[in-house]
Amino acid sequence: MNPGGAVPTLREEDGGLLTQAGAILDFLAHKHPEARLAGGEGPRARADAHRWSAFLTSDVHASFRPIFMPDRSTRDDSDAARQAVVEAGHDLVRKRFGILDGGRSVIDAYAFPMMRWARKLLPGSLEAVPNVQALHDRLAADPAVQKVPAREARR
């Protein structure tokens, strides 16, 4: 769907496409103010929501790159070199999740997939960050959130 071949992408009912996580989350938060997803009232709350969105985009999401694509992070094509890159990626993801803390907002929609990746790729990684683990568990138990992975599994 995304003309840039990337995720995420939001297709509107009128067929319009919106890309980039921060823009999509901001759009949804303001389109549905009754859901109180913007992170709170006032300029400081809005700035905090943007801060966490940027943190997830530039720090957390990017931390998974060496895990998913180790060949792009080393010129050495040996298995040992690729494994070292993957392990460095694991360390970086753990460090980033150590910074991430709880709080329900639209940003959770962006954090949740990365928390799922961490659980799958780095078993036990969220246990070291109990607030992130608790956020994951709350989101995973939410019936509305459960619809998305179920829909994706049918594809």
C-alpha atoms as a PDB file:
ATOM      1  CA  MET A   1       0.000   0.000   0.000  1.00  0.00           C
ATOM      2  CA  ASN A   2       2.799   2.411   0.880  1.00  0.00           C
ATOM      3  CA  PRO A   3       4.276   3.944  -2.284  1.00  0.00           C
ATOM      4  CA  GLY A   4       7.655   3.905  -0.510  1.00  0.00           C
ATOM      5  CA  GLY A   5       7.325   0.162   0.120  1.00  0.00           C
ATOM      6  CA  ALA A   6       7.533   0.649   3.873  1.00  0.00           C
ATOM      7  CA  VAL A   7       5.285   0.348   6.899  1.00  0.00           C
ATOM      8  CA  PRO A   8       3.217   1.680   8.500  1.00  0.00           C
ATOM      9  CA  THR A   9       0.502   2.923   6.170  1.00  0.00           C
ATOM     10  CA  LEU A  10      -3.032   4.004   6.989  1.00  0.00           C
ATOM     11  CA  ARG A  11      -5.629   3.749   4.234  1.00  0.00           C
ATOM     12  CA  GLU A  12      -8.553   6.062   4.871  1.00  0.00           C
ATOM     13  CA  GLU A  13     -12.133   5.150   4.000  1.00  0.00           C
ATOM     14  CA  ASP A  14     -11.928   7.588   1.081  1.00  0.00           C
ATOM     15  CA  GLY A  15      -8.858   5.725  -0.247  1.00  0.00           C
ATOM     16  CA  GLY A  16      -6.330   8.316   0.909  1.00  0.00           C
ATOM     17  CA  LEU A  17      -3.010   7.022   2.245  1.00  0.00           C
ATOM     18  CA  LEU A  18      -1.087   8.384   5.184  1.00  0.00           C
ATOM     19  CA  THR A  19       2.407   7.107   5.928  1.00  0.00           C
ATOM     20  CA  GLN A  20       4.968   7.506   8.732  1.00  0.00           C
ATOM     21  CA  ALA A  21       4.101   6.365  12.242  1.00  0.00           C
ATOM     22  CA  GLY A  22       4.235   9.777  13.896  1.00  0.00           C
ATOM     23  CA  ALA A  23       1.897  11.340  11.343  1.00  0.00           C
ATOM     24  CA  ILE A  24      -0.542   8.411  11.508  1.00  0.00           C
ATOM     25  CA  LEU A  25      -0.636   8.386  15.307  1.00  0.00           C
ATOM     26  CA  ASP A  26      -1.082  12.153  15.532  1.00  0.00           C
ATOM     27  CA  PHE A  27      -3.855  11.992  12.928  1.00  0.00           C
ATOM     28  CA  LEU A  28      -5.705   9.202  14.763  1.00  0.00           C
ATOM     29  CA  ALA A  29      -5.354  10.885  18.148  1.00  0.00           C
ATOM     30  CA  HIS A  30      -6.836  14.107  16.805  1.00  0.00           C
ATOM     31  CA  LYS A  31      -9.463  12.431  14.630  1.00  0.00           C
ATOM     32  CA  HIS A  32     -10.796  10.581  17.686  1.00  0.00           C
ATOM     33  CA  PRO A  33     -10.342  12.959  20.651  1.00  0.00           C
ATOM     34  CA  GLU A  34     -12.969  11.038  22.619  1.00  0.00           C
ATOM     35  CA  ALA A  35     -10.499   8.140  22.876  1.00  0.00           C
ATOM     36  CA  ARG A  36      -8.044  10.403  24.743  1.00  0.00           C
ATOM     37  CA  LEU A  37      -5.052   8.946  22.884  1.00  0.00           C
ATOM     38  CA  ALA A  38      -3.018  12.140  22.529  1.00  0.00           C
ATOM     39  CA  GLY A  39      -1.345  11.632  25.896  1.00  0.00           C
ATOM     40  CA  GLY A  40      -3.017  14.481  27.765  1.00  0.00           C
ATOM     41  CA  GLU A  41      -3.927  18.142  27.495  1.00  0.00           C
ATOM     42  CA  GLY A  42      -1.641  21.081  26.868  1.00  0.00           C
ATOM     43  CA  PRO A  43       1.603  21.744  25.065  1.00  0.00           C
ATOM     44  CA  ARG A  44       3.785  19.693  27.439  1.00  0.00           C
ATOM     45  CA  ALA A  45       1.614  16.581  27.065  1.00  0.00           C
ATOM     46  CA  ARG A  46       1.600  16.964  23.285  1.00  0.00           C
ATOM     47  CA  ALA A  47       5.376  17.433  23.257  1.00  0.00           C
ATOM     48  CA  ASP A  48       5.805  14.297  25.388  1.00  0.00           C
ATOM     49  CA  ALA A  49       3.659  12.307  22.943  1.00  0.00           C
ATOM     50  CA  HIS A  50       5.800  13.556  20.045  1.00  0.00           C
ATOM     51  CA  ARG A  51       8.954  12.792  22.024  1.00  0.00           C
ATOM     52  CA  TRP A  52       7.932   9.166  22.565  1.00  0.00           C
ATOM     53  CA  SER A  53       6.861   8.821  18.942  1.00  0.00           C
ATOM     54  CA  ALA A  54      10.246  10.108  17.804  1.00  0.00           C
ATOM     55  CA  PHE A  55      12.019   7.853  20.320  1.00  0.00           C
ATOM     56  CA  LEU A  56      10.199   4.805  19.005  1.00  0.00           C
ATOM     57  CA  THR A  57      10.876   5.774  15.389  1.00  0.00           C
ATOM     58  CA  SER A  58      14.493   6.817  15.604  1.00  0.00           C
ATOM     59  CA  ASP A  59      15.739   4.753  18.530  1.00  0.00           C
ATOM     60  CA  VAL A  60      13.645   1.670  19.237  1.00  0.00           C
ATOM     61  CA  HIS A  61      12.485   0.780  15.725  1.00  0.00           C
ATOM     62  CA  ALA A  62      15.939   1.416  14.296  1.00  0.00           C
ATOM     63  CA  SER A  63      17.468  -0.824  16.979  1.00  0.00           C
ATOM     64  CA  PHE A  64      15.861  -3.843  15.332  1.00  0.00           C
ATOM     65  CA  ARG A  65      17.643  -3.264  12.019  1.00  0.00           C
ATOM     66  CA  PRO A  66      20.818  -5.199  12.928  1.00  0.00           C
ATOM     67  CA  ILE A  67      18.636  -8.098  14.110  1.00  0.00           C
ATOM     68  CA  PHE A  68      16.496  -8.224  10.975  1.00  0.00           C
ATOM     69  CA  MET A  69      19.259  -7.289   8.512  1.00  0.00           C
ATOM     70  CA  PRO A  70      22.694  -8.058   9.993  1.00  0.00           C
ATOM     71  CA  ASP A  71      24.303  -8.139   6.535  1.00  0.00           C
ATOM     72  CA  ARG A  72      23.727  -4.389   6.232  1.00  0.00           C
ATOM     73  CA  SER A  73      25.788  -3.731   9.348  1.00  0.00           C
ATOM     74  CA  THR A  74      28.977  -5.617   8.491  1.00  0.00           C
ATOM     75  CA  ARG A  75      31.171  -6.232   5.472  1.00  0.00           C
ATOM     76  CA  ASP A  76      32.312  -9.534   6.934  1.00  0.00           C
ATOM     77  CA  ASP A  77      30.042 -12.230   5.505  1.00  0.00           C
ATOM     78  CA  SER A  78      30.951 -14.887   8.060  1.00  0.00           C
ATOM     79  CA  ASP A  79      28.293 -16.386  10.297  1.00  0.00           C
ATOM     80  CA  ALA A  80      30.261 -15.230  13.337  1.00  0.00           C
ATOM     81  CA  ALA A  81      30.250 -11.611  12.154  1.00  0.00           C
ATOM     82  CA  ARG A  82      26.515 -11.676  11.409  1.00  0.00           C
ATOM     83  CA  GLN A  83      25.828 -13.259  14.821  1.00  0.00           C
ATOM     84  CA  ALA A  84      27.912 -10.563  16.523  1.00  0.00           C
ATOM     85  CA  VAL A  85      25.820  -7.893  14.782  1.00  0.00           C
ATOM     86  CA  VAL A  86      22.589  -9.611  15.847  1.00  0.00           C
ATOM     87  CA  GLU A  87      23.811  -9.825  19.447  1.00  0.00           C
ATOM     88  CA  ALA A  88      24.776  -6.143  19.390  1.00  0.00           C
ATOM     89  CA  GLY A  89      21.251  -5.432  18.124  1.00  0.00           C
ATOM     90  CA  HIS A  90      19.801  -7.431  21.024  1.00  0.00           C
ATOM     91  CA  ASP A  91      21.832  -5.333  23.464  1.00  0.00           C
ATOM     92  CA  LEU A  92      20.649  -2.132  21.817  1.00  0.00           C
ATOM     93  CA  VAL A  93      16.987  -3.178  21.900  1.00  0.00           C
ATOM     94  CA  ARG A  94      17.275  -4.087  25.590  1.00  0.00           C
ATOM     95  CA  LYS A  95      18.832  -0.695  26.310  1.00  0.00           C
ATOM     96  CA  ARG A  96      16.075   1.154  24.422  1.00  0.00           C
ATOM     97  CA  PHE A  97      13.319  -0.797  26.189  1.00  0.00           C
ATOM     98  CA  GLY A  98      14.990   0.096  29.475  1.00  0.00           C
ATOM     99  CA  ILE A  99      14.151   3.727  28.668  1.00  0.00           C
ATOM    100  CA  LEU A 100      10.581   3.068  27.566  1.00  0.00           C
ATOM    101  CA  ASP A 101       8.021   3.241  30.356  1.00  0.00           C
ATOM    102  CA  GLY A 102       4.252   2.798  30.703  1.00  0.00           C
ATOM    103  CA  GLY A 103       1.353   5.136  30.069  1.00  0.00           C
ATOM    104  CA  ARG A 104      -1.621   4.633  27.732  1.00  0.00           C
ATOM    105  CA  SER A 105      -1.573   6.775  24.617  1.00  0.00           C
ATOM    106  CA  VAL A 106      -1.630   6.530  20.862  1.00  0.00           C
ATOM    107  CA  ILE A 107       2.104   5.863  21.064  1.00  0.00           C
ATOM    108  CA  ASP A 108       1.287   2.422  22.491  1.00  0.00           C
ATOM    109  CA  ALA A 109       0.002   1.437  19.047  1.00  0.00           C
ATOM    110  CA  TYR A 110       3.499   1.983  17.728  1.00  0.00           C
ATOM    111  CA  ALA A 111       5.293   0.427  20.692  1.00  0.00           C
ATOM    112  CA  PHE A 112       3.199  -2.762  20.733  1.00  0.00           C
ATOM    113  CA  PRO A 113       4.581  -4.345  17.538  1.00  0.00           C
ATOM    114  CA  MET A 114       8.133  -3.690  18.695  1.00  0.00           C
ATOM    115  CA  MET A 115       7.362  -5.224  22.076  1.00  0.00           C
ATOM    116  CA  ARG A 116       6.027  -8.293  20.224  1.00  0.00           C
ATOM    117  CA  TRP A 117       9.221  -8.444  18.132  1.00  0.00           C
ATOM    118  CA  ALA A 118      11.327  -8.216  21.288  1.00  0.00           C
ATOM    119  CA  ARG A 119       9.404 -11.048  22.945  1.00  0.00           C
ATOM    120  CA  LYS A 120       9.837 -13.233  19.860  1.00  0.00           C
ATOM    121  CA  LEU A 121      13.446 -12.382  19.010  1.00  0.00           C
ATOM    122  CA  LEU A 122      14.875 -11.786  22.493  1.00  0.00           C
ATOM    123  CA  PRO A 123      13.098 -14.160  24.891  1.00  0.00           C
ATOM    124  CA  GLY A 124      13.007 -12.746  28.391  1.00  0.00           C
ATOM    125  CA  SER A 125      13.943  -9.244  27.257  1.00  0.00           C
ATOM    126  CA  LEU A 126      10.803  -7.571  28.580  1.00  0.00           C
ATOM    127  CA  GLU A 127      11.122  -9.218  31.970  1.00  0.00           C
ATOM    128  CA  ALA A 128      14.046  -6.887  32.668  1.00  0.00           C
ATOM    129  CA  VAL A 129      11.769  -3.881  32.112  1.00  0.00           C
ATOM    130  CA  PRO A 130       8.648  -4.595  34.176  1.00  0.00           C
ATOM    131  CA  ASN A 131       6.750  -1.444  33.161  1.00  0.00           C
ATOM    132  CA  VAL A 132       7.179  -2.316  29.480  1.00  0.00           C
ATOM    133  CA  GLN A 133       6.191  -5.930  30.189  1.00  0.00           C
ATOM    134  CA  ALA A 134       3.082  -4.720  32.017  1.00  0.00           C
ATOM    135  CA  LEU A 135       2.207  -2.390  29.131  1.00  0.00           C
ATOM    136  CA  HIS A 136       2.633  -5.264  26.671  1.00  0.00           C
ATOM    137  CA  ASP A 137       0.408  -7.505  28.784  1.00  0.00           C
ATOM    138  CA  ARG A 138      -2.317  -4.828  29.105  1.00  0.00           C
ATOM    139  CA  LEU A 139      -2.280  -4.195  25.371  1.00  0.00           C
ATOM    140  CA  ALA A 140      -2.175  -7.898  24.498  1.00  0.00           C
ATOM    141  CA  ALA A 141      -5.239  -8.484  26.709  1.00  0.00           C
ATOM    142  CA  ASP A 142      -7.223  -5.653  25.093  1.00  0.00           C
ATOM    143  CA  PRO A 143      -9.909  -7.172  22.797  1.00  0.00           C
ATOM    144  CA  ALA A 144      -9.576  -4.282  20.339  1.00  0.00           C
ATOM    145  CA  VAL A 145      -5.811  -4.824  20.100  1.00  0.00           C
ATOM    146  CA  GLN A 146      -6.251  -8.587  19.665  1.00  0.00           C
ATOM    147  CA  LYS A 147      -8.207  -7.988  16.451  1.00  0.00           C
ATOM    148  CA  VAL A 148      -5.145  -6.695  14.585  1.00  0.00           C
ATOM    149  CA  PRO A 149      -2.805  -9.706  15.001  1.00  0.00           C
ATOM    150  CA  ALA A 150      -5.780 -12.005  14.341  1.00  0.00           C
ATOM    151  CA  ARG A 151      -6.520 -10.164  11.105  1.00  0.00           C
ATOM    152  CA  GLU A 152      -2.842 -10.254  10.114  1.00  0.00           C
ATOM    153  CA  ALA A 153      -2.679 -14.025  10.758  1.00  0.00           C
ATOM    154  CA  ARG A 154      -5.515 -14.575   8.262  1.00  0.00           C
ATOM    155  CA  ARG A 155      -3.558 -12.882   5.468  1.00  0.00           C
END
